[in-house]
Amino acid sequence: MHSETSNDLTQSGLQIAIQDIKDELFDTPECDYAIAQLLTRWGQAEKADQVLDEMLMKWGTSPEVLALTQRGYTEMVGSRELSADNDETIRKPQKTTPAALDVVAA
């Protein structure tokens, strides 16, 4: 019997997805950006941030590269805010008003 955990399978799936991106987009700024997007969506913003930083060092500061990295950082911030909003929604019970009761005259 295999002793793989759910987390191991998830990490394996993530690595396969990253390799698929690399195979499809080769070694380009778009490839690095797509990998950073995937990492962000999988809740690995720290790794995504590292990919974007390495992207700047690797590809330089051409307008195209700067635009991609800026989009990547913006998506990371948006993802963090969305995650924080979801956490707040889960932790805080929503206030609801009781259903209105119809008064029937007798």
N, C-alpha and C. Protein backbone atom coordinates (compact mmCIF):
# COMPACT_ATOMS: atom_id res chain seq x y z
N MET A 1 0.84 -1.18 0.00
CA MET A 1 0.00 0.00 0.00
C MET A 1 0.89 1.24 0.00
N HIS A 2 0.45 2.27 -0.67
CA HIS A 2 1.22 3.50 -0.75
C HIS A 2 0.99 4.34 0.49
N SER A 3 2.04 5.00 0.93
CA SER A 3 1.92 5.84 2.11
C SER A 3 1.92 7.33 1.75
N GLU A 4 1.49 7.65 0.53
CA GLU A 4 1.45 9.04 0.11
C GLU A 4 0.30 9.76 0.80
N THR A 5 0.58 10.97 1.23
CA THR A 5 -0.46 11.77 1.86
C THR A 5 -1.13 12.64 0.81
N SER A 6 -2.23 13.21 1.19
CA SER A 6 -2.95 14.12 0.30
C SER A 6 -2.05 15.30 -0.10
N ASN A 7 -1.27 15.79 0.86
CA ASN A 7 -0.38 16.91 0.60
C ASN A 7 0.70 16.52 -0.42
N ASP A 8 1.23 15.29 -0.29
CA ASP A 8 2.22 14.82 -1.25
C ASP A 8 1.64 14.77 -2.66
N LEU A 9 0.41 14.28 -2.75
CA LEU A 9 -0.25 14.20 -4.06
C LEU A 9 -0.51 15.59 -4.62
N THR A 10 -0.90 16.51 -3.76
CA THR A 10 -1.14 17.88 -4.19
C THR A 10 0.14 18.50 -4.71
N GLN A 11 1.23 18.32 -3.98
CA GLN A 11 2.52 18.88 -4.41
C GLN A 11 2.96 18.23 -5.72
N SER A 12 2.73 16.95 -5.87
CA SER A 12 3.07 16.27 -7.12
C SER A 12 2.26 16.83 -8.27
N GLY A 13 0.98 17.06 -8.04
CA GLY A 13 0.12 17.64 -9.06
C GLY A 13 0.58 19.04 -9.45
N LEU A 14 0.99 19.82 -8.46
CA LEU A 14 1.49 21.17 -8.72
C LEU A 14 2.76 21.10 -9.56
N GLN A 15 3.66 20.19 -9.23
CA GLN A 15 4.91 20.06 -10.00
C GLN A 15 4.63 19.62 -11.44
N ILE A 16 3.66 18.76 -11.62
CA ILE A 16 3.28 18.33 -12.98
C ILE A 16 2.72 19.52 -13.76
N ALA A 17 1.88 20.30 -13.11
CA ALA A 17 1.29 21.48 -13.76
C ALA A 17 2.38 22.48 -14.14
N ILE A 18 3.35 22.68 -13.26
CA ILE A 18 4.46 23.60 -13.56
C ILE A 18 5.27 23.08 -14.74
N GLN A 19 5.53 21.78 -14.76
CA GLN A 19 6.29 21.20 -15.87
C GLN A 19 5.52 21.33 -17.18
N ASP A 20 4.20 21.17 -17.13
CA ASP A 20 3.38 21.35 -18.34
C ASP A 20 3.49 22.78 -18.86
N ILE A 21 3.49 23.75 -17.95
CA ILE A 21 3.64 25.15 -18.36
C ILE A 21 4.99 25.35 -19.02
N LYS A 22 6.03 24.80 -18.41
CA LYS A 22 7.38 24.93 -18.97
C LYS A 22 7.47 24.28 -20.35
N ASP A 23 6.83 23.14 -20.50
CA ASP A 23 6.85 22.44 -21.79
C ASP A 23 6.12 23.23 -22.87
N GLU A 24 5.05 23.90 -22.47
CA GLU A 24 4.23 24.63 -23.44
C GLU A 24 4.81 26.00 -23.78
N LEU A 25 5.30 26.72 -22.76
CA LEU A 25 5.75 28.10 -22.98
C LEU A 25 7.27 28.23 -23.06
N PHE A 26 7.96 27.14 -22.87
CA PHE A 26 9.42 27.10 -22.93
C PHE A 26 10.01 28.06 -21.89
N ASP A 27 11.15 28.61 -22.18
CA ASP A 27 11.84 29.48 -21.24
C ASP A 27 11.63 30.93 -21.67
N THR A 28 10.51 31.50 -21.22
CA THR A 28 10.15 32.87 -21.60
C THR A 28 9.63 33.60 -20.36
N PRO A 29 9.55 34.92 -20.43
CA PRO A 29 8.94 35.65 -19.31
C PRO A 29 7.49 35.22 -19.09
N GLU A 30 6.78 34.90 -20.16
CA GLU A 30 5.39 34.47 -20.04
C GLU A 30 5.30 33.16 -19.26
N CYS A 31 6.28 32.30 -19.45
CA CYS A 31 6.33 31.04 -18.72
C CYS A 31 6.48 31.30 -17.22
N ASP A 32 7.42 32.16 -16.87
CA ASP A 32 7.64 32.48 -15.46
C ASP A 32 6.40 33.13 -14.85
N TYR A 33 5.76 34.01 -15.60
CA TYR A 33 4.54 34.67 -15.14
C TYR A 33 3.43 33.65 -14.91
N ALA A 34 3.27 32.71 -15.85
CA ALA A 34 2.23 31.69 -15.71
C ALA A 34 2.48 30.80 -14.49
N ILE A 35 3.74 30.49 -14.23
CA ILE A 35 4.08 29.69 -13.05
C ILE A 35 3.76 30.48 -11.78
N ALA A 36 4.09 31.76 -11.76
CA ALA A 36 3.77 32.60 -10.60
C ALA A 36 2.26 32.67 -10.38
N GLN A 37 1.49 32.77 -11.46
CA GLN A 37 0.03 32.78 -11.36
C GLN A 37 -0.47 31.49 -10.74
N LEU A 38 0.04 30.37 -11.21
CA LEU A 38 -0.37 29.07 -10.70
C LEU A 38 -0.05 28.96 -9.21
N LEU A 39 1.15 29.35 -8.83
CA LEU A 39 1.53 29.29 -7.42
C LEU A 39 0.63 30.17 -6.57
N THR A 40 0.30 31.35 -7.07
CA THR A 40 -0.59 32.26 -6.34
C THR A 40 -1.95 31.61 -6.13
N ARG A 41 -2.48 31.00 -7.18
CA ARG A 41 -3.79 30.36 -7.09
C ARG A 41 -3.78 29.17 -6.15
N TRP A 42 -2.63 28.54 -5.98
CA TRP A 42 -2.50 27.40 -5.09
C TRP A 42 -2.12 27.84 -3.68
N GLY A 43 -2.18 29.15 -3.42
CA GLY A 43 -1.92 29.65 -2.08
C GLY A 43 -0.46 29.67 -1.70
N GLN A 44 0.42 29.70 -2.68
CA GLN A 44 1.85 29.72 -2.41
C GLN A 44 2.44 31.04 -2.88
N ALA A 45 1.94 32.12 -2.29
CA ALA A 45 2.33 33.47 -2.69
C ALA A 45 3.82 33.72 -2.47
N GLU A 46 4.38 33.13 -1.45
CA GLU A 46 5.81 33.34 -1.18
C GLU A 46 6.66 32.79 -2.33
N LYS A 47 6.31 31.61 -2.80
CA LYS A 47 7.03 31.03 -3.94
C LYS A 47 6.77 31.82 -5.22
N ALA A 48 5.54 32.29 -5.37
CA ALA A 48 5.20 33.10 -6.55
C ALA A 48 6.01 34.39 -6.55
N ASP A 49 6.15 35.00 -5.38
CA ASP A 49 6.94 36.21 -5.23
C ASP A 49 8.39 35.95 -5.64
N GLN A 50 8.91 34.81 -5.23
CA GLN A 50 10.29 34.44 -5.58
C GLN A 50 10.43 34.27 -7.09
N VAL A 51 9.45 33.63 -7.72
CA VAL A 51 9.49 33.44 -9.18
C VAL A 51 9.49 34.79 -9.89
N LEU A 52 8.67 35.72 -9.41
CA LEU A 52 8.61 37.05 -10.04
C LEU A 52 9.92 37.81 -9.85
N ASP A 53 10.51 37.70 -8.66
CA ASP A 53 11.81 38.36 -8.42
C ASP A 53 12.88 37.78 -9.34
N GLU A 54 12.91 36.45 -9.45
CA GLU A 54 13.89 35.79 -10.32
C GLU A 54 13.64 36.16 -11.78
N MET A 55 12.37 36.36 -12.11
CA MET A 55 12.01 36.74 -13.48
C MET A 55 12.67 38.07 -13.85
N LEU A 56 12.63 39.02 -12.94
CA LEU A 56 13.26 40.33 -13.20
C LEU A 56 14.76 40.18 -13.37
N MET A 57 15.38 39.37 -12.51
CA MET A 57 16.83 39.20 -12.62
C MET A 57 17.20 38.47 -13.92
N LYS A 58 16.38 37.52 -14.31
CA LYS A 58 16.67 36.70 -15.48
C LYS A 58 16.42 37.44 -16.79
N TRP A 59 15.30 38.17 -16.86
CA TRP A 59 14.88 38.77 -18.12
C TRP A 59 15.11 40.27 -18.21
N GLY A 60 15.52 40.89 -17.11
CA GLY A 60 15.77 42.32 -17.15
C GLY A 60 14.51 43.13 -16.94
N THR A 61 14.61 44.40 -17.27
CA THR A 61 13.51 45.32 -16.98
C THR A 61 12.91 45.92 -18.25
N SER A 62 12.73 45.09 -19.25
CA SER A 62 12.05 45.57 -20.46
C SER A 62 10.61 45.90 -20.09
N PRO A 63 9.95 46.76 -20.86
CA PRO A 63 8.56 47.09 -20.56
C PRO A 63 7.65 45.86 -20.47
N GLU A 64 7.89 44.86 -21.34
CA GLU A 64 7.08 43.64 -21.33
C GLU A 64 7.25 42.88 -20.01
N VAL A 65 8.49 42.74 -19.57
CA VAL A 65 8.77 42.01 -18.33
C VAL A 65 8.23 42.77 -17.13
N LEU A 66 8.42 44.08 -17.12
CA LEU A 66 7.89 44.89 -16.02
C LEU A 66 6.37 44.79 -15.95
N ALA A 67 5.71 44.80 -17.10
CA ALA A 67 4.24 44.69 -17.11
C ALA A 67 3.79 43.34 -16.56
N LEU A 68 4.47 42.26 -16.95
CA LEU A 68 4.11 40.94 -16.45
C LEU A 68 4.35 40.82 -14.94
N THR A 69 5.48 41.32 -14.48
CA THR A 69 5.75 41.21 -13.04
C THR A 69 4.77 42.06 -12.24
N GLN A 70 4.44 43.24 -12.76
CA GLN A 70 3.47 44.09 -12.06
C GLN A 70 2.11 43.40 -11.98
N ARG A 71 1.68 42.78 -13.08
CA ARG A 71 0.42 42.02 -13.06
C ARG A 71 0.49 40.88 -12.05
N GLY A 72 1.64 40.21 -12.01
CA GLY A 72 1.81 39.11 -11.07
C GLY A 72 1.71 39.58 -9.63
N TYR A 73 2.39 40.69 -9.31
CA TYR A 73 2.32 41.22 -7.94
C TYR A 73 0.90 41.69 -7.60
N THR A 74 0.23 42.29 -8.55
CA THR A 74 -1.14 42.75 -8.33
C THR A 74 -2.07 41.57 -8.06
N GLU A 75 -1.90 40.49 -8.82
CA GLU A 75 -2.72 39.30 -8.60
C GLU A 75 -2.45 38.67 -7.24
N MET A 76 -1.18 38.71 -6.81
CA MET A 76 -0.84 38.16 -5.49
C MET A 76 -1.53 38.95 -4.39
N VAL A 77 -1.51 40.27 -4.50
CA VAL A 77 -2.16 41.12 -3.50
C VAL A 77 -3.66 40.87 -3.52
N GLY A 78 -4.24 40.80 -4.71
CA GLY A 78 -5.67 40.53 -4.82
C GLY A 78 -6.04 39.18 -4.24
N SER A 79 -5.20 38.20 -4.46
CA SER A 79 -5.44 36.87 -3.93
C SER A 79 -5.37 36.87 -2.40
N ARG A 80 -4.41 37.59 -1.86
CA ARG A 80 -4.29 37.69 -0.39
C ARG A 80 -5.50 38.39 0.21
N GLU A 81 -5.96 39.45 -0.45
CA GLU A 81 -7.12 40.18 0.06
C GLU A 81 -8.36 39.30 -0.02
N LEU A 82 -8.52 38.57 -1.10
CA LEU A 82 -9.66 37.67 -1.25
C LEU A 82 -9.61 36.59 -0.18
N SER A 83 -8.44 36.05 0.04
CA SER A 83 -8.27 35.02 1.07
C SER A 83 -8.60 35.57 2.45
N ALA A 84 -8.14 36.78 2.73
CA ALA A 84 -8.43 37.40 4.02
C ALA A 84 -9.92 37.66 4.17
N ASP A 85 -10.58 38.10 3.09
CA ASP A 85 -12.02 38.32 3.13
C ASP A 85 -12.75 37.02 3.41
N ASN A 86 -12.33 35.94 2.76
CA ASN A 86 -12.96 34.64 2.99
C ASN A 86 -12.75 34.18 4.41
N ASP A 87 -11.56 34.40 4.96
CA ASP A 87 -11.28 34.03 6.34
C ASP A 87 -12.18 34.80 7.29
N GLU A 88 -12.36 36.09 7.04
CA GLU A 88 -13.22 36.92 7.89
C GLU A 88 -14.67 36.43 7.81
N THR A 89 -15.11 36.08 6.62
CA THR A 89 -16.48 35.61 6.45
C THR A 89 -16.69 34.32 7.22
N ILE A 90 -15.70 33.47 7.19
CA ILE A 90 -15.82 32.19 7.89
C ILE A 90 -15.79 32.39 9.39
N ARG A 91 -14.91 33.25 9.89
CA ARG A 91 -14.75 33.43 11.34
C ARG A 91 -15.88 34.21 11.97
N LYS A 92 -16.35 35.24 11.27
CA LYS A 92 -17.38 36.09 11.84
C LYS A 92 -18.75 35.61 11.38
N PRO A 93 -19.63 35.32 12.32
CA PRO A 93 -20.99 34.95 11.91
C PRO A 93 -21.67 36.15 11.26
N GLN A 94 -22.38 35.89 10.23
CA GLN A 94 -23.10 36.95 9.54
C GLN A 94 -24.34 37.33 10.34
N LYS A 95 -24.57 38.62 10.47
CA LYS A 95 -25.77 39.08 11.15
C LYS A 95 -26.93 38.94 10.19
N THR A 96 -27.97 38.33 10.68
CA THR A 96 -29.16 38.19 9.85
C THR A 96 -30.34 38.77 10.62
N THR A 97 -31.24 39.30 9.89
CA THR A 97 -32.43 39.82 10.53
C THR A 97 -33.48 38.73 10.53
N PRO A 98 -34.24 38.64 11.58
CA PRO A 98 -35.27 37.60 11.62
C PRO A 98 -36.29 37.83 10.50
N ALA A 99 -36.85 36.76 10.05
CA ALA A 99 -37.85 36.85 8.99
C ALA A 99 -39.04 37.66 9.50
N ALA A 100 -39.58 38.47 8.64
CA ALA A 100 -40.72 39.29 9.01
C ALA A 100 -41.94 38.39 9.23
N LEU A 101 -42.65 38.68 10.30
CA LEU A 101 -43.86 37.91 10.59
C LEU A 101 -45.06 38.72 10.12
N ASP A 102 -45.93 38.11 9.37
CA ASP A 102 -47.13 38.78 8.92
C ASP A 102 -48.16 38.72 10.01
N VAL A 103 -48.70 39.87 10.35
CA VAL A 103 -49.74 39.91 11.38
C VAL A 103 -51.07 39.84 10.65
N VAL A 104 -51.85 38.88 11.05
CA VAL A 104 -53.15 38.67 10.42
C VAL A 104 -54.21 39.19 11.38
N ALA A 105 -55.03 40.10 10.88
CA ALA A 105 -56.10 40.65 11.73
C ALA A 105 -57.21 39.61 11.83
N ALA A 106 -57.71 39.42 13.04
CA ALA A 106 -58.75 38.42 13.25
C ALA A 106 -60.11 39.02 13.20
